[in-house]
């Protein structure tokens, strides 16, 4: 998507330093896909943990939402 729009994102520091995330290099595309999947998983886990925590708090009577 970045390439189609003529944009480039180059990481200058950290674990991905020196990598152009808009590159059309297969290895870079794979890495970006894996990172996106990991971030999506993390977001889903946070949502699930939040729902479970709210349900447990409501069941214990320590909080009332809604």
C-alpha atoms as a PDB file:
ATOM      1  CA  UNK A   1       0.000   0.000   0.000  1.00  0.00           C
ATOM      2  CA  UNK A   2       2.799   2.439   0.812  1.00  0.00           C
ATOM      3  CA  UNK A   3       4.569   1.634  -2.443  1.00  0.00           C
ATOM      4  CA  UNK A   4       1.428   2.235  -4.498  1.00  0.00           C
ATOM      5  CA  UNK A   5       1.109   5.668  -2.919  1.00  0.00           C
ATOM      6  CA  UNK A   6       4.782   6.452  -3.494  1.00  0.00           C
ATOM      7  CA  UNK A   7       5.546   6.570   0.233  1.00  0.00           C
ATOM      8  CA  UNK A   8       8.526   5.090   2.039  1.00  0.00           C
ATOM      9  CA  UNK A   9       8.972   4.417   5.730  1.00  0.00           C
ATOM     10  CA  UNK A  10      12.546   3.859   6.794  1.00  0.00           C
ATOM     11  CA  UNK A  11      13.237   2.856  10.389  1.00  0.00           C
ATOM     12  CA  UNK A  12      16.294   4.611  11.797  1.00  0.00           C
ATOM     13  CA  UNK A  13      16.601   3.024  15.247  1.00  0.00           C
ATOM     14  CA  UNK A  14      15.593  -0.037  17.229  1.00  0.00           C
ATOM     15  CA  UNK A  15      15.281  -3.633  16.096  1.00  0.00           C
ATOM     16  CA  UNK A  16      14.217  -2.657  12.584  1.00  0.00           C
ATOM     17  CA  UNK A  17      16.913  -0.016  12.067  1.00  0.00           C
ATOM     18  CA  UNK A  18      17.885   0.466   8.439  1.00  0.00           C
ATOM     19  CA  UNK A  19      14.857  -1.321   7.031  1.00  0.00           C
ATOM     20  CA  UNK A  20      12.626   0.330   4.441  1.00  0.00           C
ATOM     21  CA  UNK A  21       9.173  -0.942   5.381  1.00  0.00           C
ATOM     22  CA  UNK A  22       7.759   0.158   2.030  1.00  0.00           C
ATOM     23  CA  UNK A  23      10.323  -1.922   0.173  1.00  0.00           C
ATOM     24  CA  UNK A  24       9.177  -4.440  -2.401  1.00  0.00           C
ATOM     25  CA  UNK A  25      11.847  -6.916  -1.220  1.00  0.00           C
ATOM     26  CA  UNK A  26      10.164 -10.261  -0.404  1.00  0.00           C
ATOM     27  CA  UNK A  27      11.919 -10.636   2.961  1.00  0.00           C
ATOM     28  CA  UNK A  28      10.811  -7.185   4.069  1.00  0.00           C
ATOM     29  CA  UNK A  29       7.252  -7.823   2.922  1.00  0.00           C
ATOM     30  CA  UNK A  30       7.213 -11.071   4.919  1.00  0.00           C
ATOM     31  CA  UNK A  31       8.584  -9.359   8.024  1.00  0.00           C
ATOM     32  CA  UNK A  32       5.981  -6.594   7.837  1.00  0.00           C
ATOM     33  CA  UNK A  33       3.227  -9.207   7.434  1.00  0.00           C
ATOM     34  CA  UNK A  34       4.462 -11.181  10.446  1.00  0.00           C
ATOM     35  CA  UNK A  35       4.726  -8.036  12.572  1.00  0.00           C
ATOM     36  CA  UNK A  36       1.210  -7.001  11.567  1.00  0.00           C
ATOM     37  CA  UNK A  37      -0.117 -10.441  12.551  1.00  0.00           C
ATOM     38  CA  UNK A  38       1.659 -10.297  15.929  1.00  0.00           C
ATOM     39  CA  UNK A  39       0.272  -6.817  16.608  1.00  0.00           C
ATOM     40  CA  UNK A  40      -3.243  -7.930  15.668  1.00  0.00           C
ATOM     41  CA  UNK A  41      -2.912 -10.917  18.027  1.00  0.00           C
ATOM     42  CA  UNK A  42      -1.695  -8.637  20.816  1.00  0.00           C
ATOM     43  CA  UNK A  43      -4.635  -6.260  20.283  1.00  0.00           C
ATOM     44  CA  UNK A  44      -7.078  -9.188  20.384  1.00  0.00           C
ATOM     45  CA  UNK A  45      -5.513 -10.510  23.605  1.00  0.00           C
ATOM     46  CA  UNK A  46      -5.780  -7.093  25.266  1.00  0.00           C
ATOM     47  CA  UNK A  47      -9.466  -6.888  24.291  1.00  0.00           C
ATOM     48  CA  UNK A  48     -10.150 -10.394  25.566  1.00  0.00           C
ATOM     49  CA  UNK A  49      -8.357  -9.753  28.860  1.00  0.00           C
ATOM     50  CA  UNK A  50     -10.283  -6.503  29.311  1.00  0.00           C
ATOM     51  CA  UNK A  51     -13.632  -8.225  28.710  1.00  0.00           C
ATOM     52  CA  UNK A  52     -12.725 -11.025  31.143  1.00  0.00           C
ATOM     53  CA  UNK A  53     -11.570  -8.541  33.780  1.00  0.00           C
ATOM     54  CA  UNK A  54     -14.755  -6.488  33.527  1.00  0.00           C
ATOM     55  CA  UNK A  55     -16.890  -9.645  33.720  1.00  0.00           C
ATOM     56  CA  UNK A  56     -14.980 -10.860  36.795  1.00  0.00           C
ATOM     57  CA  UNK A  57     -15.303  -7.467  38.486  1.00  0.00           C
ATOM     58  CA  UNK A  58     -19.036  -7.338  37.747  1.00  0.00           C
ATOM     59  CA  UNK A  59     -19.481 -10.899  39.062  1.00  0.00           C
ATOM     60  CA  UNK A  60     -17.649  -9.959  42.259  1.00  0.00           C
ATOM     61  CA  UNK A  61     -19.878  -6.907  42.613  1.00  0.00           C
ATOM     62  CA  UNK A  62     -16.925  -4.564  42.741  1.00  0.00           C
ATOM     63  CA  UNK A  63     -17.909  -2.606  39.657  1.00  0.00           C
ATOM     64  CA  UNK A  64     -21.033  -1.891  37.642  1.00  0.00           C
ATOM     65  CA  UNK A  65     -20.779  -0.830  34.045  1.00  0.00           C
ATOM     66  CA  UNK A  66     -23.474   0.114  31.596  1.00  0.00           C
END
